[in-house]
Amino acid sequence: MRKNKKAVGYVCDIPIPGTDEVISKEDQRLRMLKFAQKEGLDLACIYEDEKFTEDFIGRPGFAKLLACKEEFDTILVERVWSLSRKKKALDPFLKELDRKGVQLMASSYLWDCLSQQLRHRYAVKLSDRCRKEARALAEARNLKVVA
């Protein structure tokens, strides 16, 4: 039986460039809670910031998330834009998450390049892990493994 992933969430009001519209923290929170329930994520808490800044690491709420003492294997955001719209800004953070064995997951399925790159990053790792688990199971059952 698969163990539920332990997650912490993060929300921040997200301004839509070129408009006066904002994707509210409350809207993001509700979507994340639905997603966590549907996907079997154990969402321990949700950190938040009032204001979006491109330097997401320097935001007070995000700093609290990074200092969280509770163990988790997933950081859940409603969309990657709550952190940044720039891959260059996210890359060092994602490398640090990889080092810690933590993944960044978005609850909304968006088609912008950054969202697709994030999904692909973890889908490839998941596929590799599934293949390794299937191979180990087959070998444990003394089945011939064909590559």
C-alpha atoms as a PDB file:
ATOM      1  CA  MET A   1       0.000   0.000   0.000  1.00  0.00           C
ATOM      2  CA  ARG A   2       1.318   3.423  -0.987  1.00  0.00           C
ATOM      3  CA  LYS A   3       2.028   5.884   1.793  1.00  0.00           C
ATOM      4  CA  ASN A   4       0.488   9.356   1.500  1.00  0.00           C
ATOM      5  CA  LYS A   5       2.927  12.082   0.623  1.00  0.00           C
ATOM      6  CA  LYS A   6       3.454  14.688   3.321  1.00  0.00           C
ATOM      7  CA  ALA A   7       3.142  18.201   1.901  1.00  0.00           C
ATOM      8  CA  VAL A   8       3.356  21.818   2.925  1.00  0.00           C
ATOM      9  CA  GLY A   9       1.607  24.430   0.847  1.00  0.00           C
ATOM     10  CA  TYR A  10       2.352  27.975  -0.180  1.00  0.00           C
ATOM     11  CA  VAL A  11       0.117  30.785  -1.444  1.00  0.00           C
ATOM     12  CA  CYS A  12       0.663  34.418  -2.356  1.00  0.00           C
ATOM     13  CA  ASP A  13      -1.613  36.885  -4.130  1.00  0.00           C
ATOM     14  CA  ILE A  14      -0.528  36.544  -7.776  1.00  0.00           C
ATOM     15  CA  PRO A  15      -0.878  39.639  -9.955  1.00  0.00           C
ATOM     16  CA  ILE A  16      -1.802  39.051 -13.604  1.00  0.00           C
ATOM     17  CA  PRO A  17       0.617  41.161 -15.677  1.00  0.00           C
ATOM     18  CA  GLY A  18      -0.994  43.877 -17.773  1.00  0.00           C
ATOM     19  CA  THR A  19      -4.241  43.824 -15.750  1.00  0.00           C
ATOM     20  CA  ASP A  20      -5.531  44.880 -12.349  1.00  0.00           C
ATOM     21  CA  GLU A  21      -6.527  41.278 -11.607  1.00  0.00           C
ATOM     22  CA  VAL A  22      -5.062  39.143  -8.847  1.00  0.00           C
ATOM     23  CA  ILE A  23      -5.368  35.405  -8.225  1.00  0.00           C
ATOM     24  CA  SER A  24      -6.252  35.505  -4.550  1.00  0.00           C
ATOM     25  CA  LYS A  25      -4.657  33.449  -1.816  1.00  0.00           C
ATOM     26  CA  GLU A  26      -8.090  32.176  -0.779  1.00  0.00           C
ATOM     27  CA  ASP A  27      -8.872  30.900  -4.279  1.00  0.00           C
ATOM     28  CA  GLN A  28      -5.474  29.184  -4.425  1.00  0.00           C
ATOM     29  CA  ARG A  29      -5.961  27.673  -0.968  1.00  0.00           C
ATOM     30  CA  LEU A  30      -9.345  26.173  -1.883  1.00  0.00           C
ATOM     31  CA  ARG A  31      -7.984  24.637  -5.098  1.00  0.00           C
ATOM     32  CA  MET A  32      -4.980  23.214  -3.252  1.00  0.00           C
ATOM     33  CA  LEU A  33      -7.149  21.658  -0.543  1.00  0.00           C
ATOM     34  CA  LYS A  34      -9.363  19.959  -3.149  1.00  0.00           C
ATOM     35  CA  PHE A  35      -6.309  18.726  -5.018  1.00  0.00           C
ATOM     36  CA  ALA A  36      -4.622  17.412  -1.862  1.00  0.00           C
ATOM     37  CA  GLN A  37      -7.742  15.491  -0.892  1.00  0.00           C
ATOM     38  CA  LYS A  38      -8.162  14.041  -4.397  1.00  0.00           C
ATOM     39  CA  GLU A  39      -4.473  13.048  -4.669  1.00  0.00           C
ATOM     40  CA  GLY A  40      -4.143  11.689  -1.130  1.00  0.00           C
ATOM     41  CA  LEU A  41      -1.636  14.328  -0.036  1.00  0.00           C
ATOM     42  CA  ASP A  42      -1.321  14.921   3.691  1.00  0.00           C
ATOM     43  CA  LEU A  43      -1.219  18.734   3.625  1.00  0.00           C
ATOM     44  CA  ALA A  44       0.278  19.683   7.001  1.00  0.00           C
ATOM     45  CA  CYS A  45       0.019  23.483   6.658  1.00  0.00           C
ATOM     46  CA  ILE A  46      -0.114  26.308   4.159  1.00  0.00           C
ATOM     47  CA  TYR A  47       2.314  29.213   4.380  1.00  0.00           C
ATOM     48  CA  GLU A  48       1.437  32.546   2.833  1.00  0.00           C
ATOM     49  CA  ASP A  49       2.718  35.956   1.881  1.00  0.00           C
ATOM     50  CA  GLU A  50       0.711  39.095   1.345  1.00  0.00           C
ATOM     51  CA  LYS A  51       2.665  40.478  -1.558  1.00  0.00           C
ATOM     52  CA  PHE A  52       4.212  38.910  -4.652  1.00  0.00           C
ATOM     53  CA  THR A  53       7.860  39.806  -5.245  1.00  0.00           C
ATOM     54  CA  GLU A  54      10.096  38.194  -7.830  1.00  0.00           C
ATOM     55  CA  ASP A  55      12.577  37.276  -5.079  1.00  0.00           C
ATOM     56  CA  PHE A  56      10.371  34.512  -3.658  1.00  0.00           C
ATOM     57  CA  ILE A  57      13.161  33.164  -1.414  1.00  0.00           C
ATOM     58  CA  GLY A  58      13.231  36.528   0.414  1.00  0.00           C
ATOM     59  CA  ARG A  59       9.501  36.605   1.153  1.00  0.00           C
ATOM     60  CA  PRO A  60       8.756  36.201   4.903  1.00  0.00           C
ATOM     61  CA  GLY A  61       6.133  33.463   4.504  1.00  0.00           C
ATOM     62  CA  PHE A  62       8.293  31.485   2.105  1.00  0.00           C
ATOM     63  CA  ALA A  63      11.254  31.820   4.476  1.00  0.00           C
ATOM     64  CA  LYS A  64       9.064  30.280   7.202  1.00  0.00           C
ATOM     65  CA  LEU A  65       8.217  27.394   4.870  1.00  0.00           C
ATOM     66  CA  LEU A  66      11.909  26.780   4.233  1.00  0.00           C
ATOM     67  CA  ALA A  67      12.580  26.821   7.989  1.00  0.00           C
ATOM     68  CA  CYS A  68       9.759  24.347   8.695  1.00  0.00           C
ATOM     69  CA  LYS A  69      10.965  21.612  11.060  1.00  0.00           C
ATOM     70  CA  GLU A  70       8.246  19.155  10.035  1.00  0.00           C
ATOM     71  CA  GLU A  71       9.318  16.521   7.512  1.00  0.00           C
ATOM     72  CA  PHE A  72       7.696  16.761   4.087  1.00  0.00           C
ATOM     73  CA  ASP A  73       8.421  15.439   0.618  1.00  0.00           C
ATOM     74  CA  THR A  74       6.292  17.871  -1.396  1.00  0.00           C
ATOM     75  CA  ILE A  75       5.813  21.617  -1.599  1.00  0.00           C
ATOM     76  CA  LEU A  76       2.361  22.237  -3.036  1.00  0.00           C
ATOM     77  CA  VAL A  77       1.479  25.458  -4.839  1.00  0.00           C
ATOM     78  CA  GLU A  78      -1.688  26.206  -6.758  1.00  0.00           C
ATOM     79  CA  ARG A  79       0.473  27.309  -9.688  1.00  0.00           C
ATOM     80  CA  VAL A  80       4.202  27.765 -10.049  1.00  0.00           C
ATOM     81  CA  TRP A  81       3.569  31.474 -10.664  1.00  0.00           C
ATOM     82  CA  SER A  82       3.085  31.938  -6.914  1.00  0.00           C
ATOM     83  CA  LEU A  83       6.875  31.640  -6.781  1.00  0.00           C
ATOM     84  CA  SER A  84       8.035  33.024 -10.106  1.00  0.00           C
ATOM     85  CA  ARG A  85       7.312  33.113 -13.817  1.00  0.00           C
ATOM     86  CA  LYS A  86      11.029  32.862 -14.579  1.00  0.00           C
ATOM     87  CA  LYS A  87      12.756  29.512 -14.964  1.00  0.00           C
ATOM     88  CA  LYS A  88      16.111  31.122 -14.242  1.00  0.00           C
ATOM     89  CA  ALA A  89      14.842  32.223 -10.818  1.00  0.00           C
ATOM     90  CA  LEU A  90      13.430  28.760 -10.012  1.00  0.00           C
ATOM     91  CA  ASP A  91      16.315  26.566 -11.179  1.00  0.00           C
ATOM     92  CA  PRO A  92      18.627  26.969  -8.136  1.00  0.00           C
ATOM     93  CA  PHE A  93      15.681  26.362  -5.805  1.00  0.00           C
ATOM     94  CA  LEU A  94      14.599  23.242  -7.721  1.00  0.00           C
ATOM     95  CA  LYS A  95      18.154  21.882  -7.578  1.00  0.00           C
ATOM     96  CA  GLU A  96      18.126  22.354  -3.801  1.00  0.00           C
ATOM     97  CA  LEU A  97      14.773  20.541  -3.589  1.00  0.00           C
ATOM     98  CA  ASP A  98      16.233  17.666  -5.641  1.00  0.00           C
ATOM     99  CA  ARG A  99      19.142  17.456  -3.220  1.00  0.00           C
ATOM    100  CA  LYS A 100      16.672  17.176  -0.316  1.00  0.00           C
ATOM    101  CA  GLY A 101      14.395  14.686  -2.104  1.00  0.00           C
ATOM    102  CA  VAL A 102      11.493  17.149  -2.146  1.00  0.00           C
ATOM    103  CA  GLN A 103       9.348  17.905  -5.171  1.00  0.00           C
ATOM    104  CA  LEU A 104       7.461  21.047  -6.133  1.00  0.00           C
ATOM    105  CA  MET A 105       3.917  20.226  -7.224  1.00  0.00           C
ATOM    106  CA  ALA A 106       1.272  22.529  -8.703  1.00  0.00           C
ATOM    107  CA  SER A 107      -2.402  21.748  -8.202  1.00  0.00           C
ATOM    108  CA  SER A 108      -3.517  23.569 -11.377  1.00  0.00           C
ATOM    109  CA  TYR A 109      -2.761  22.040 -14.740  1.00  0.00           C
ATOM    110  CA  LEU A 110      -1.611  25.025 -16.817  1.00  0.00           C
ATOM    111  CA  TRP A 111      -0.098  25.027 -20.287  1.00  0.00           C
ATOM    112  CA  ASP A 112       2.481  27.797 -19.992  1.00  0.00           C
ATOM    113  CA  CYS A 113       6.089  26.708 -20.594  1.00  0.00           C
ATOM    114  CA  LEU A 114       7.187  26.907 -16.962  1.00  0.00           C
ATOM    115  CA  SER A 115       4.272  24.785 -15.699  1.00  0.00           C
ATOM    116  CA  GLN A 116       4.925  22.157 -18.379  1.00  0.00           C
ATOM    117  CA  GLN A 117       8.635  22.069 -17.563  1.00  0.00           C
ATOM    118  CA  LEU A 118       7.843  21.529 -13.891  1.00  0.00           C
ATOM    119  CA  ARG A 119       5.440  18.657 -14.653  1.00  0.00           C
ATOM    120  CA  HIS A 120       7.951  17.068 -17.014  1.00  0.00           C
ATOM    121  CA  ARG A 121      10.761  17.389 -14.456  1.00  0.00           C
ATOM    122  CA  TYR A 122       8.927  15.235 -11.928  1.00  0.00           C
ATOM    123  CA  ALA A 123       7.081  12.966 -14.370  1.00  0.00           C
ATOM    124  CA  VAL A 124      10.406  11.753 -15.747  1.00  0.00           C
ATOM    125  CA  LYS A 125      11.691  11.074 -12.228  1.00  0.00           C
ATOM    126  CA  LEU A 126       8.446   9.306 -11.327  1.00  0.00           C
ATOM    127  CA  SER A 127       8.663   7.156 -14.463  1.00  0.00           C
ATOM    128  CA  ASP A 128      12.268   6.242 -13.653  1.00  0.00           C
ATOM    129  CA  ARG A 129      11.286   5.335 -10.085  1.00  0.00           C
ATOM    130  CA  CYS A 130       8.323   3.250 -11.295  1.00  0.00           C
ATOM    131  CA  ARG A 131      10.574   1.379 -13.727  1.00  0.00           C
ATOM    132  CA  LYS A 132      13.122   0.700 -10.971  1.00  0.00           C
ATOM    133  CA  GLU A 133      10.398  -0.500  -8.586  1.00  0.00           C
ATOM    134  CA  ALA A 134       8.885  -2.762 -11.275  1.00  0.00           C
ATOM    135  CA  ARG A 135      12.330  -4.181 -12.094  1.00  0.00           C
ATOM    136  CA  ALA A 136      13.084  -4.837  -8.388  1.00  0.00           C
ATOM    137  CA  LEU A 137       9.706  -6.527  -7.935  1.00  0.00           C
ATOM    138  CA  ALA A 138      10.222  -8.704 -11.007  1.00  0.00           C
ATOM    139  CA  GLU A 139      13.702  -9.680  -9.870  1.00  0.00           C
ATOM    140  CA  ALA A 140      12.401 -10.467  -6.371  1.00  0.00           C
ATOM    141  CA  ARG A 141       9.880 -12.840  -7.985  1.00  0.00           C
ATOM    142  CA  ASN A 142      12.642 -14.405 -10.108  1.00  0.00           C
ATOM    143  CA  LEU A 143      11.069 -13.142 -13.326  1.00  0.00           C
ATOM    144  CA  LYS A 144      13.159 -12.419 -16.384  1.00  0.00           C
ATOM    145  CA  VAL A 145      13.632  -8.656 -16.791  1.00  0.00           C
ATOM    146  CA  VAL A 146      13.667  -7.425 -20.373  1.00  0.00           C
ATOM    147  CA  ALA A 147      14.924  -3.868 -20.889  1.00  0.00           C
END
